[in-house]
């Protein structure tokens, strides 16, 4: 049975184009289109689609408000389309706050240089989200509250288009939503191995912004190791995402820059469109940022950062692979494993897309598969100073 899709955009051209691309895939079926967020909320309840593609800037009701209402009433996996601009990055992160699962650039030439590749990627993302089961939340959703340090999320949109409510105070709110993750009991945390570490690596893709925030906001300010974060994300998005994490976390979070010296209690987010490497510098490490080869599938690539860390720090590393599509991280994890590093993966039940964690697990590289709800506590216990 085909995955049923609702397409939402105020542009008739874009609605038609997205609908045509989705309909070309035999596993997908467009069952309706909406021209604004208010229509989307109503049609989501009436048509019960398995996936919604959603624009951000629309009249009557913007996409972010629509996502929040849909996730509160009839949770459905939502793929956002956004512009690769500073404001677009902020708005997309707000959409993830509201409960959207994934996003793609609205201009197809920003998705991939080859038109056919861009079409295939869009179809692949919709199929992956369509297989993700969501659950209706129990009771009324908690009221949105400003972050106690910032009065809102770092990088909150201050209004992107006339006639939208993107800049409303309701959006200057809480951390990224977990409403899309099935509610279940957290598994017991692991028993610490006693291994000593010098570096924590975390690689992720689809669903990663929510997962990273859930983990990192639980770390204390005096976390004893540096952290390298590799999130598949466009160049326009990583500065806003790093700023947002920094405003919410006790540890320091920044977009990595060439020459950064690794410090305990600091997390370095790989810049979008670039490759982040690490080299040994005395008793610590130093970050290198390179453009990388044009034919690389991922910029940043988990494989490349993992591989460079294996050479710089050997086995004194805990590497964690979180939710994401594809297999990026598997070969880097293989190199880490060969020098004695410890590899963990997020478990299937708590992943938005069980691709990257499955790849490292199926290759026999992981020692643990851990639910997202238990990941932070497990990392803290495993990497505590002896």
Protein backbone atom coordinates (compact mmCIF):
# COMPACT_ATOMS: atom_id res chain seq x y z
CA UNK A 1 0.00 0.00 0.00
CA UNK A 2 1.35 3.42 -0.99
CA UNK A 3 2.39 5.97 1.64
CA UNK A 4 -0.20 8.75 1.66
CA UNK A 5 1.19 12.31 1.44
CA UNK A 6 -0.32 15.77 1.99
CA UNK A 7 1.52 18.61 0.21
CA UNK A 8 1.26 22.09 1.78
CA UNK A 9 2.52 25.28 0.10
CA UNK A 10 1.03 28.62 -0.88
CA UNK A 11 2.75 28.48 -4.28
CA UNK A 12 0.65 26.64 -6.85
CA UNK A 13 3.80 25.96 -8.89
CA UNK A 14 5.61 24.37 -5.96
CA UNK A 15 2.56 22.33 -4.89
CA UNK A 16 2.28 20.98 -8.40
CA UNK A 17 6.01 20.28 -8.73
CA UNK A 18 6.31 18.47 -5.40
CA UNK A 19 3.13 16.51 -6.09
CA UNK A 20 4.46 15.40 -9.47
CA UNK A 21 7.76 14.23 -7.99
CA UNK A 22 6.09 12.33 -5.17
CA UNK A 23 3.59 10.72 -7.53
CA UNK A 24 6.42 9.41 -9.74
CA UNK A 25 7.30 7.00 -6.93
CA UNK A 26 5.08 3.92 -6.90
CA UNK A 27 5.41 3.71 -3.10
CA UNK A 28 3.99 7.22 -2.62
CA UNK A 29 0.56 8.78 -3.24
CA UNK A 30 -0.47 12.44 -2.94
CA UNK A 31 -3.92 12.43 -1.37
CA UNK A 32 -4.36 16.17 -1.07
CA UNK A 33 -2.83 19.64 -1.25
CA UNK A 34 -3.27 22.68 1.00
CA UNK A 35 -2.46 26.34 0.38
CA UNK A 36 -1.84 27.43 3.98
CA UNK A 37 -1.31 26.11 7.48
CA UNK A 38 -4.94 26.39 8.52
CA UNK A 39 -6.02 24.20 5.61
CA UNK A 40 -3.20 21.78 6.47
CA UNK A 41 -4.41 21.34 10.06
CA UNK A 42 -7.93 20.62 8.87
CA UNK A 43 -6.87 18.25 6.07
CA UNK A 44 -4.43 16.40 8.32
CA UNK A 45 -7.34 15.47 10.59
CA UNK A 46 -9.71 14.64 7.73
CA UNK A 47 -7.38 12.75 5.36
CA UNK A 48 -5.03 11.10 7.87
CA UNK A 49 -1.91 11.26 5.66
CA UNK A 50 1.22 9.33 6.65
CA UNK A 51 3.56 12.21 5.71
CA UNK A 52 3.10 15.96 5.25
CA UNK A 53 5.45 18.21 3.28
CA UNK A 54 5.18 21.74 4.65
CA UNK A 55 6.32 25.19 3.59
CA UNK A 56 7.28 27.65 6.34
CA UNK A 57 6.14 31.04 5.05
CA UNK A 58 2.43 30.98 4.18
CA UNK A 59 -0.56 33.31 4.61
CA UNK A 60 -3.41 32.74 7.09
CA UNK A 61 -1.31 30.35 9.21
CA UNK A 62 2.44 29.81 8.81
CA UNK A 63 4.01 26.37 8.63
CA UNK A 64 5.52 26.41 12.12
CA UNK A 65 2.21 27.14 13.81
CA UNK A 66 0.58 24.46 11.64
CA UNK A 67 3.22 21.90 12.65
CA UNK A 68 2.64 22.65 16.32
CA UNK A 69 -1.14 22.25 15.99
CA UNK A 70 -0.88 19.05 13.95
CA UNK A 71 1.58 17.48 16.38
CA UNK A 72 -0.67 18.37 19.31
CA UNK A 73 -3.81 16.93 17.72
CA UNK A 74 -2.93 14.29 15.11
CA UNK A 75 0.84 13.60 15.13
CA UNK A 76 2.10 12.97 11.59
CA UNK A 77 5.69 12.94 10.27
CA UNK A 78 6.35 16.33 8.68
CA UNK A 79 9.08 17.29 6.20
CA UNK A 80 9.73 21.03 6.02
CA UNK A 81 10.88 22.94 2.95
CA UNK A 82 13.04 25.94 3.80
CA UNK A 83 15.27 28.53 2.21
CA UNK A 84 19.03 28.31 2.74
CA UNK A 85 19.25 31.73 4.37
CA UNK A 86 19.97 32.97 7.89
CA UNK A 87 16.26 33.52 8.54
CA UNK A 88 15.43 30.24 6.82
CA UNK A 89 17.79 28.39 9.15
CA UNK A 90 16.22 29.92 12.24
CA UNK A 91 12.71 29.19 10.99
CA UNK A 92 13.60 25.58 10.19
CA UNK A 93 14.96 25.05 13.69
CA UNK A 94 11.72 26.52 15.04
CA UNK A 95 9.84 23.98 12.91
CA UNK A 96 11.85 21.21 14.55
CA UNK A 97 10.95 22.78 17.92
CA UNK A 98 7.33 22.42 16.89
CA UNK A 99 7.73 18.73 16.06
CA UNK A 100 8.75 18.45 12.40
CA UNK A 101 11.06 15.50 11.76
CA UNK A 102 13.17 16.59 8.78
CA UNK A 103 13.80 19.38 6.30
CA UNK A 104 15.05 19.96 2.77
CA UNK A 105 16.03 23.13 0.87
CA UNK A 106 13.15 24.55 -1.11
CA UNK A 107 15.30 25.17 -4.19
CA UNK A 108 15.97 21.78 -5.78
CA UNK A 109 19.38 22.93 -7.00
CA UNK A 110 20.34 23.27 -3.32
CA UNK A 111 19.38 19.66 -2.64
CA UNK A 112 21.73 18.18 -5.24
CA UNK A 113 23.65 19.39 -8.27
CA UNK A 114 21.96 16.76 -10.42
CA UNK A 115 18.19 17.14 -10.93
CA UNK A 116 17.56 13.40 -10.86
CA UNK A 117 19.52 13.05 -7.63
CA UNK A 118 17.45 15.82 -6.04
CA UNK A 119 14.21 14.09 -7.05
CA UNK A 120 15.43 10.74 -5.73
CA UNK A 121 16.47 12.29 -2.42
CA UNK A 122 13.10 13.94 -1.90
CA UNK A 123 11.31 10.66 -2.61
CA UNK A 124 13.68 8.80 -0.29
CA UNK A 125 13.10 11.24 2.57
CA UNK A 126 9.31 11.02 2.21
CA UNK A 127 9.42 7.21 2.12
CA UNK A 128 11.62 7.08 5.23
CA UNK A 129 9.31 9.38 7.21
CA UNK A 130 6.26 7.51 6.01
CA UNK A 131 7.52 4.37 7.70
CA UNK A 132 7.91 6.20 11.02
CA UNK A 133 5.01 5.53 13.38
CA UNK A 134 3.92 8.44 15.59
CA UNK A 135 1.68 8.44 18.61
CA UNK A 136 -1.00 10.87 19.75
CA UNK A 137 0.23 12.62 22.90
CA UNK A 138 -1.55 11.81 26.15
CA UNK A 139 -3.42 14.78 27.62
CA UNK A 140 -2.93 18.41 26.76
CA UNK A 141 0.51 19.56 25.62
CA UNK A 142 2.53 21.50 28.18
CA UNK A 143 2.39 25.28 27.72
CA UNK A 144 5.37 26.81 25.99
CA UNK A 145 7.79 28.58 28.29
CA UNK A 146 10.73 30.87 27.47
CA UNK A 147 14.18 29.49 28.10
CA UNK A 148 15.32 30.83 31.52
CA UNK A 149 18.65 32.09 30.19
CA UNK A 150 17.68 33.55 26.84
CA UNK A 151 13.98 34.39 27.11
CA UNK A 152 13.61 32.21 24.02
CA UNK A 153 15.75 29.98 21.86
CA UNK A 154 19.01 31.38 20.60
CA UNK A 155 18.35 32.36 17.02
CA UNK A 156 14.55 32.51 17.29
CA UNK A 157 12.98 33.96 14.19
CA UNK A 158 12.01 37.61 14.49
CA UNK A 159 9.52 37.45 11.65
CA UNK A 160 10.26 36.37 8.11
CA UNK A 161 7.33 37.47 6.02
CA UNK A 162 4.33 39.73 6.24
CA UNK A 163 1.16 37.90 7.15
CA UNK A 164 2.90 35.07 9.01
CA UNK A 165 3.08 34.42 12.73
CA UNK A 166 6.59 32.98 12.62
CA UNK A 167 7.85 35.74 14.87
CA UNK A 168 5.10 35.42 17.46
CA UNK A 169 5.94 35.04 21.13
CA UNK A 170 4.56 31.51 21.06
CA UNK A 171 7.63 30.48 19.06
CA UNK A 172 10.15 32.03 21.44
CA UNK A 173 9.92 28.94 23.50
CA UNK A 174 11.19 25.64 24.59
CA UNK A 175 13.73 23.13 23.39
CA UNK A 176 13.26 20.91 20.35
CA UNK A 177 10.11 18.82 20.64
CA UNK A 178 10.18 15.14 21.54
CA UNK A 179 6.52 14.65 20.59
CA UNK A 180 7.56 12.63 17.56
CA UNK A 181 9.33 9.96 19.63
CA UNK A 182 7.14 7.11 20.95
CA UNK A 183 6.67 7.38 24.72
CA UNK A 184 8.09 4.37 26.48
CA UNK A 185 10.07 3.41 29.54
CA UNK A 186 13.76 4.26 29.32
CA UNK A 187 16.01 1.22 29.38
CA UNK A 188 18.40 0.90 32.31
CA UNK A 189 21.70 2.67 31.72
CA UNK A 190 24.76 0.58 31.09
CA UNK A 191 27.41 -0.31 33.62
CA UNK A 192 30.54 1.78 33.04
CA UNK A 193 33.39 -0.17 31.46
CA UNK A 194 36.13 1.66 33.35
CA UNK A 195 37.85 2.69 30.13
CA UNK A 196 39.54 6.10 30.14
CA UNK A 197 38.66 8.61 27.41
CA UNK A 198 40.04 11.82 25.95
CA UNK A 199 37.35 12.64 23.37
CA UNK A 200 33.63 12.15 22.70
CA UNK A 201 32.39 11.99 19.10
CA UNK A 202 28.71 12.14 18.07
CA UNK A 203 27.57 11.70 14.45
CA UNK A 204 23.99 12.02 13.23
CA UNK A 205 21.66 13.10 10.42
CA UNK A 206 17.84 12.96 10.14
CA UNK A 207 16.38 13.53 13.60
CA UNK A 208 19.78 14.62 14.90
CA UNK A 209 18.95 18.19 16.04
CA UNK A 210 16.33 16.88 18.47
CA UNK A 211 18.56 14.00 19.62
CA UNK A 212 21.64 16.17 20.13
CA UNK A 213 19.71 18.70 22.14
CA UNK A 214 18.15 16.04 24.33
CA UNK A 215 21.59 14.61 25.11
CA UNK A 216 23.73 17.73 25.43
CA UNK A 217 21.34 19.68 27.65
CA UNK A 218 21.91 17.01 30.31
CA UNK A 219 25.71 17.47 30.37
CA UNK A 220 27.20 19.43 33.28
CA UNK A 221 29.33 22.52 32.64
CA UNK A 222 32.40 20.66 33.92
CA UNK A 223 32.06 17.71 31.52
CA UNK A 224 35.65 16.37 31.47
CA UNK A 225 36.21 15.91 27.72
CA UNK A 226 35.92 17.83 24.45
CA UNK A 227 33.06 16.83 22.15
CA UNK A 228 32.98 16.81 18.35
CA UNK A 229 29.50 16.96 16.76
CA UNK A 230 28.90 15.96 13.15
CA UNK A 231 25.36 16.74 12.02
CA UNK A 232 24.38 16.58 8.34
CA UNK A 233 23.20 20.16 7.85
CA UNK A 234 23.62 22.94 5.25
CA UNK A 235 26.18 25.71 5.76
CA UNK A 236 23.48 28.31 6.42
CA UNK A 237 22.10 26.25 9.31
CA UNK A 238 25.08 25.26 11.47
CA UNK A 239 25.81 28.73 12.97
CA UNK A 240 22.20 29.08 14.13
CA UNK A 241 22.09 25.51 15.44
CA UNK A 242 25.34 25.91 17.36
CA UNK A 243 24.08 29.18 18.87
CA UNK A 244 20.82 27.56 19.84
CA UNK A 245 22.54 24.66 21.57
CA UNK A 246 24.92 27.03 23.34
CA UNK A 247 21.97 28.99 24.74
CA UNK A 248 20.32 25.84 26.08
CA UNK A 249 23.29 23.80 27.35
CA UNK A 250 25.52 24.16 30.39
CA UNK A 251 28.53 23.15 28.29
CA UNK A 252 29.87 25.57 25.68
CA UNK A 253 28.83 24.86 22.07
CA UNK A 254 30.23 26.58 18.99
CA UNK A 255 30.50 26.07 15.28
CA UNK A 256 33.99 24.65 14.78
CA UNK A 257 36.63 26.88 13.18
CA UNK A 258 40.07 26.04 11.87
CA UNK A 259 42.63 26.25 14.66
CA UNK A 260 40.21 25.71 17.55
CA UNK A 261 42.05 23.95 20.38
CA UNK A 262 39.89 21.29 22.01
CA UNK A 263 38.87 22.04 25.59
CA UNK A 264 36.95 19.96 28.15
CA UNK A 265 33.31 20.93 28.49
CA UNK A 266 33.24 22.37 24.98
CA UNK A 267 31.37 20.95 21.97
CA UNK A 268 32.43 21.79 18.40
CA UNK A 269 29.80 21.49 15.65
CA UNK A 270 31.16 20.66 12.20
CA UNK A 271 30.42 23.54 9.78
CA UNK A 272 27.90 22.74 7.08
CA UNK A 273 29.39 22.32 3.61
CA UNK A 274 32.85 21.59 5.04
CA UNK A 275 34.81 18.71 6.53
CA UNK A 276 35.95 18.80 10.16
CA UNK A 277 39.15 16.97 11.07
CA UNK A 278 41.13 16.86 14.29
CA UNK A 279 44.88 16.60 14.78
CA UNK A 280 46.88 16.09 17.95
CA UNK A 281 48.31 19.27 19.48
CA UNK A 282 50.35 18.53 22.59
CA UNK A 283 48.13 16.93 25.20
CA UNK A 284 44.98 18.13 23.45
CA UNK A 285 43.82 18.43 19.84
CA UNK A 286 43.30 21.09 17.21
CA UNK A 287 40.53 21.32 14.63
CA UNK A 288 41.10 21.54 10.89
CA UNK A 289 38.31 22.63 8.58
CA UNK A 290 38.64 21.75 4.90
CA UNK A 291 36.43 22.06 1.84
CA UNK A 292 36.91 18.39 0.98
CA UNK A 293 36.33 16.71 -2.35
CA UNK A 294 33.45 17.95 -4.46
CA UNK A 295 32.20 14.39 -4.99
CA UNK A 296 31.72 13.70 -1.26
CA UNK A 297 28.12 12.73 -0.46
CA UNK A 298 28.16 14.40 2.94
CA UNK A 299 29.57 17.74 3.99
CA UNK A 300 30.24 17.36 6.86
CA UNK A 301 30.94 13.63 6.85
CA UNK A 302 30.92 11.52 10.00
CA UNK A 303 33.34 9.09 8.36
CA UNK A 304 35.96 11.79 7.77
CA UNK A 305 35.85 13.21 11.31
CA UNK A 306 35.84 9.74 12.88
CA UNK A 307 38.79 8.68 10.75
CA UNK A 308 40.87 11.73 11.60
CA UNK A 309 40.12 11.28 15.31
CA UNK A 310 41.28 7.66 15.18
CA UNK A 311 44.68 8.85 13.98
CA UNK A 312 44.93 11.69 16.50
CA UNK A 313 43.59 10.01 19.65
CA UNK A 314 43.75 6.27 18.96
CA UNK A 315 41.48 4.23 21.19
CA UNK A 316 40.85 6.93 23.82
CA UNK A 317 37.51 7.79 22.21
CA UNK A 318 33.84 7.08 22.74
CA UNK A 319 32.02 7.49 19.40
CA UNK A 320 28.21 7.56 19.27
CA UNK A 321 26.14 7.20 16.09
CA UNK A 322 22.64 8.61 16.38
CA UNK A 323 19.54 8.61 14.16
CA UNK A 324 20.09 9.27 10.48
CA UNK A 325 19.59 8.05 6.94
CA UNK A 326 22.31 6.17 5.08
CA UNK A 327 25.54 4.63 6.35
CA UNK A 328 27.80 7.63 7.02
CA UNK A 329 29.92 6.80 10.06
CA UNK A 330 30.31 3.09 9.41
CA UNK A 331 33.77 3.23 7.82
CA UNK A 332 34.98 5.86 10.27
CA UNK A 333 33.71 3.68 13.12
CA UNK A 334 35.58 0.75 11.61
CA UNK A 335 38.82 2.73 11.79
CA UNK A 336 38.08 3.78 15.36
CA UNK A 337 37.28 0.21 16.36
CA UNK A 338 40.58 -1.01 14.87
CA UNK A 339 42.56 1.21 17.26
CA UNK A 340 40.51 0.26 20.33
CA UNK A 341 37.87 3.00 20.49
CA UNK A 342 34.39 2.27 21.89
CA UNK A 343 31.43 2.62 19.50
CA UNK A 344 27.80 3.03 20.57
CA UNK A 345 24.62 3.38 18.51
CA UNK A 346 21.15 4.69 19.20
CA UNK A 347 18.62 1.86 19.31
CA UNK A 348 16.09 1.35 16.55
CA UNK A 349 12.95 2.13 18.55
CA UNK A 350 14.04 5.68 19.44
CA UNK A 351 15.47 6.62 16.02
CA UNK A 352 13.62 8.83 13.56
CA UNK A 353 15.45 6.90 10.83
CA UNK A 354 17.34 3.74 11.74
CA UNK A 355 19.95 3.99 8.98
CA UNK A 356 23.31 5.17 10.31
CA UNK A 357 22.98 3.35 13.66
CA UNK A 358 21.88 0.20 11.87
CA UNK A 359 24.88 0.38 9.53
CA UNK A 360 27.44 0.40 12.34
CA UNK A 361 25.51 -2.18 14.36
CA UNK A 362 25.08 -4.58 11.43
CA UNK A 363 28.81 -4.29 10.72
CA UNK A 364 29.54 -5.58 14.23
CA UNK A 365 31.25 -2.35 15.31
CA UNK A 366 29.09 -1.34 18.28
CA UNK A 367 29.31 -2.49 21.86
CA UNK A 368 25.96 -0.98 22.88
CA UNK A 369 22.62 0.04 21.32
CA UNK A 370 21.03 2.56 23.67
CA UNK A 371 17.64 4.33 23.70
CA UNK A 372 17.78 8.09 23.25
CA UNK A 373 16.19 8.65 26.66
CA UNK A 374 19.10 6.80 28.29
CA UNK A 375 21.92 8.06 26.09
CA UNK A 376 23.02 11.12 28.07
CA UNK A 377 23.08 9.32 31.41
CA UNK A 378 24.95 6.39 29.84
CA UNK A 379 27.57 8.67 28.24
CA UNK A 380 28.10 10.59 31.46
CA UNK A 381 28.58 7.38 33.45
CA UNK A 382 30.90 5.82 30.87
CA UNK A 383 33.12 8.88 30.35
CA UNK A 384 33.36 10.11 33.93
CA UNK A 385 36.89 10.66 35.20
CA UNK A 386 38.08 7.73 37.29
